[in-house]
Amino acid sequence: SDVPTDSTPIPQGATDILFHNHLWDGIGCRKFIGDLFRLVGNHIGLSDSAETHKIQWGQEIKNLSPPVVDSLKLDVSTLGTEFDDKCTEYTSALVANYKSRGMKFRP
């Protein structure tokens, strides 16, 4: 929110949370966002003098699960055309899904 300091209360109804989940692994993102929402929920209704837990920023990547392909240490170039074909099939399905909702989408 556009506030002058990190201790300025955010105006009611003026909060947007944007996170780019395509840059994260699935479970790590869900865990982090869940932690963030629980922390926010714990602050609701507290007085300004109440002691609150703080998230230590800068170490977020330690909480992410590694991508499966990285965990398996696969050389994607050795997977042959089947891997590429499945990637194309998957992205084509995404494009079809977005287009069916009337959204302009170009992969």
C-alpha atoms as a PDB file:
ATOM      1  CA  SER A   1       0.000   0.000   0.000  1.00  0.00           C
ATOM      2  CA  ASP A   2       1.178   3.529  -0.643  1.00  0.00           C
ATOM      3  CA  VAL A   3       2.011   4.649   2.904  1.00  0.00           C
ATOM      4  CA  PRO A   4       4.819   6.957   4.085  1.00  0.00           C
ATOM      5  CA  THR A   5       6.411   4.571   6.640  1.00  0.00           C
ATOM      6  CA  ASP A   6       6.369   0.871   7.507  1.00  0.00           C
ATOM      7  CA  SER A   7       4.432   1.638  10.704  1.00  0.00           C
ATOM      8  CA  THR A   8       1.663   3.682   9.046  1.00  0.00           C
ATOM      9  CA  PRO A   9      -1.681   1.863   9.259  1.00  0.00           C
ATOM     10  CA  ILE A  10      -2.987   0.756   5.868  1.00  0.00           C
ATOM     11  CA  PRO A  11      -6.381   2.332   5.127  1.00  0.00           C
ATOM     12  CA  GLN A  12      -9.307  -0.082   5.309  1.00  0.00           C
ATOM     13  CA  GLY A  13     -10.205  -1.523   1.928  1.00  0.00           C
ATOM     14  CA  ALA A  14      -7.049  -0.221   0.245  1.00  0.00           C
ATOM     15  CA  THR A  15      -4.863  -3.317   0.254  1.00  0.00           C
ATOM     16  CA  ASP A  16      -3.771  -5.231  -2.832  1.00  0.00           C
ATOM     17  CA  ILE A  17      -1.456  -8.218  -2.626  1.00  0.00           C
ATOM     18  CA  LEU A  18       0.325  -9.134  -5.824  1.00  0.00           C
ATOM     19  CA  PHE A  19       2.591 -12.129  -6.137  1.00  0.00           C
ATOM     20  CA  HIS A  20       3.880 -13.722  -9.286  1.00  0.00           C
ATOM     21  CA  ASN A  21       3.316 -17.416  -8.618  1.00  0.00           C
ATOM     22  CA  HIS A  22       4.858 -18.429 -11.963  1.00  0.00           C
ATOM     23  CA  LEU A  23       8.232 -17.427 -10.498  1.00  0.00           C
ATOM     24  CA  TRP A  24       7.815 -19.729  -7.494  1.00  0.00           C
ATOM     25  CA  ASP A  25       7.370 -23.414  -6.868  1.00  0.00           C
ATOM     26  CA  GLY A  26       3.812 -24.411  -5.975  1.00  0.00           C
ATOM     27  CA  ILE A  27       4.077 -25.488  -2.334  1.00  0.00           C
ATOM     28  CA  GLY A  28       6.681 -22.916  -1.294  1.00  0.00           C
ATOM     29  CA  CYS A  29       4.465 -20.118  -2.588  1.00  0.00           C
ATOM     30  CA  ARG A  30       1.421 -21.505  -0.776  1.00  0.00           C
ATOM     31  CA  LYS A  31       3.378 -21.858   2.480  1.00  0.00           C
ATOM     32  CA  PHE A  32       4.780 -18.339   2.281  1.00  0.00           C
ATOM     33  CA  ILE A  33       1.472 -16.681   1.389  1.00  0.00           C
ATOM     34  CA  GLY A  34      -0.262 -18.724   4.108  1.00  0.00           C
ATOM     35  CA  ASP A  35       2.327 -17.540   6.653  1.00  0.00           C
ATOM     36  CA  LEU A  36       1.873 -13.966   5.464  1.00  0.00           C
ATOM     37  CA  PHE A  37      -1.935 -14.099   5.753  1.00  0.00           C
ATOM     38  CA  ARG A  38      -1.742 -15.718   9.219  1.00  0.00           C
ATOM     39  CA  LEU A  39       0.632 -12.965  10.327  1.00  0.00           C
ATOM     40  CA  VAL A  40      -1.702 -10.277   8.961  1.00  0.00           C
ATOM     41  CA  GLY A  41      -4.649 -11.996  10.665  1.00  0.00           C
ATOM     42  CA  ASN A  42      -2.815 -11.901  13.994  1.00  0.00           C
ATOM     43  CA  HIS A  43      -2.446  -8.103  13.685  1.00  0.00           C
ATOM     44  CA  ILE A  44      -6.128  -7.371  13.165  1.00  0.00           C
ATOM     45  CA  GLY A  45      -7.561  -5.648  16.208  1.00  0.00           C
ATOM     46  CA  LEU A  46      -4.250  -5.271  18.060  1.00  0.00           C
ATOM     47  CA  SER A  47      -3.357  -2.029  19.774  1.00  0.00           C
ATOM     48  CA  ASP A  48      -0.353  -0.052  18.556  1.00  0.00           C
ATOM     49  CA  SER A  49       1.583  -1.024  21.688  1.00  0.00           C
ATOM     50  CA  ALA A  50       1.091  -4.791  21.244  1.00  0.00           C
ATOM     51  CA  GLU A  51       4.193  -6.895  20.534  1.00  0.00           C
ATOM     52  CA  THR A  52       4.016  -8.476  17.081  1.00  0.00           C
ATOM     53  CA  HIS A  53       6.042 -11.051  15.174  1.00  0.00           C
ATOM     54  CA  LYS A  54       8.087  -9.767  12.252  1.00  0.00           C
ATOM     55  CA  ILE A  55       8.955 -11.617   9.052  1.00  0.00           C
ATOM     56  CA  GLN A  56      12.699 -11.632   8.451  1.00  0.00           C
ATOM     57  CA  TRP A  57      13.046 -10.573   4.822  1.00  0.00           C
ATOM     58  CA  GLY A  58      15.943 -11.607   2.650  1.00  0.00           C
ATOM     59  CA  GLN A  59      15.905 -15.363   3.275  1.00  0.00           C
ATOM     60  CA  GLU A  60      12.668 -16.243   1.450  1.00  0.00           C
ATOM     61  CA  ILE A  61      14.366 -18.498  -1.072  1.00  0.00           C
ATOM     62  CA  LYS A  62      15.386 -20.906   1.716  1.00  0.00           C
ATOM     63  CA  ASN A  63      11.684 -21.707   2.216  1.00  0.00           C
ATOM     64  CA  LEU A  64      11.035 -22.657  -1.401  1.00  0.00           C
ATOM     65  CA  SER A  65      10.918 -26.252  -2.511  1.00  0.00           C
ATOM     66  CA  PRO A  66      13.234 -26.841  -5.467  1.00  0.00           C
ATOM     67  CA  PRO A  67      11.607 -27.474  -8.860  1.00  0.00           C
ATOM     68  CA  VAL A  68      11.237 -31.183  -9.676  1.00  0.00           C
ATOM     69  CA  VAL A  69      13.465 -31.028 -12.755  1.00  0.00           C
ATOM     70  CA  ASP A  70      16.204 -29.392 -10.661  1.00  0.00           C
ATOM     71  CA  SER A  71      15.781 -31.927  -7.843  1.00  0.00           C
ATOM     72  CA  LEU A  72      16.190 -34.822 -10.243  1.00  0.00           C
ATOM     73  CA  LYS A  73      19.193 -33.084 -11.815  1.00  0.00           C
ATOM     74  CA  LEU A  74      17.865 -33.894 -15.267  1.00  0.00           C
ATOM     75  CA  ASP A  75      19.518 -32.704 -18.432  1.00  0.00           C
ATOM     76  CA  VAL A  76      16.379 -31.547 -20.247  1.00  0.00           C
ATOM     77  CA  SER A  77      18.136 -31.836 -23.610  1.00  0.00           C
ATOM     78  CA  THR A  78      18.332 -35.633 -23.147  1.00  0.00           C
ATOM     79  CA  LEU A  79      14.574 -36.015 -22.705  1.00  0.00           C
ATOM     80  CA  GLY A  80      13.962 -36.048 -26.441  1.00  0.00           C
ATOM     81  CA  THR A  81      10.922 -34.867 -28.316  1.00  0.00           C
ATOM     82  CA  GLU A  82       8.413 -36.307 -25.834  1.00  0.00           C
ATOM     83  CA  PHE A  83       9.305 -33.625 -23.273  1.00  0.00           C
ATOM     84  CA  ASP A  84       9.036 -30.845 -25.867  1.00  0.00           C
ATOM     85  CA  ASP A  85       5.758 -32.289 -27.168  1.00  0.00           C
ATOM     86  CA  LYS A  86       4.253 -32.347 -23.663  1.00  0.00           C
ATOM     87  CA  CYS A  87       5.428 -28.781 -23.008  1.00  0.00           C
ATOM     88  CA  THR A  88       3.783 -27.660 -26.248  1.00  0.00           C
ATOM     89  CA  GLU A  89       0.598 -29.557 -25.359  1.00  0.00           C
ATOM     90  CA  TYR A  90       0.518 -27.950 -21.906  1.00  0.00           C
ATOM     91  CA  THR A  91       1.081 -24.397 -23.152  1.00  0.00           C
ATOM     92  CA  SER A  92      -1.453 -24.890 -25.956  1.00  0.00           C
ATOM     93  CA  ALA A  93      -4.035 -25.938 -23.358  1.00  0.00           C
ATOM     94  CA  LEU A  94      -3.244 -22.800 -21.333  1.00  0.00           C
ATOM     95  CA  VAL A  95      -3.651 -20.590 -24.389  1.00  0.00           C
ATOM     96  CA  ALA A  96      -6.960 -22.275 -25.277  1.00  0.00           C
ATOM     97  CA  ASN A  97      -8.187 -21.822 -21.696  1.00  0.00           C
ATOM     98  CA  TYR A  98      -7.333 -18.126 -21.601  1.00  0.00           C
ATOM     99  CA  LYS A  99      -8.830 -17.489 -25.032  1.00  0.00           C
ATOM    100  CA  SER A 100     -12.054 -19.236 -24.001  1.00  0.00           C
ATOM    101  CA  ARG A 101     -12.446 -16.628 -21.272  1.00  0.00           C
ATOM    102  CA  GLY A 102     -12.194 -13.795 -23.778  1.00  0.00           C
ATOM    103  CA  MET A 103      -8.712 -12.794 -22.671  1.00  0.00           C
ATOM    104  CA  LYS A 104      -6.079 -11.739 -25.173  1.00  0.00           C
ATOM    105  CA  PHE A 105      -3.134 -14.043 -24.627  1.00  0.00           C
ATOM    106  CA  ARG A 106       0.014 -14.623 -26.610  1.00  0.00           C
ATOM    107  CA  PRO A 107       2.543 -17.173 -25.325  1.00  0.00           C
END
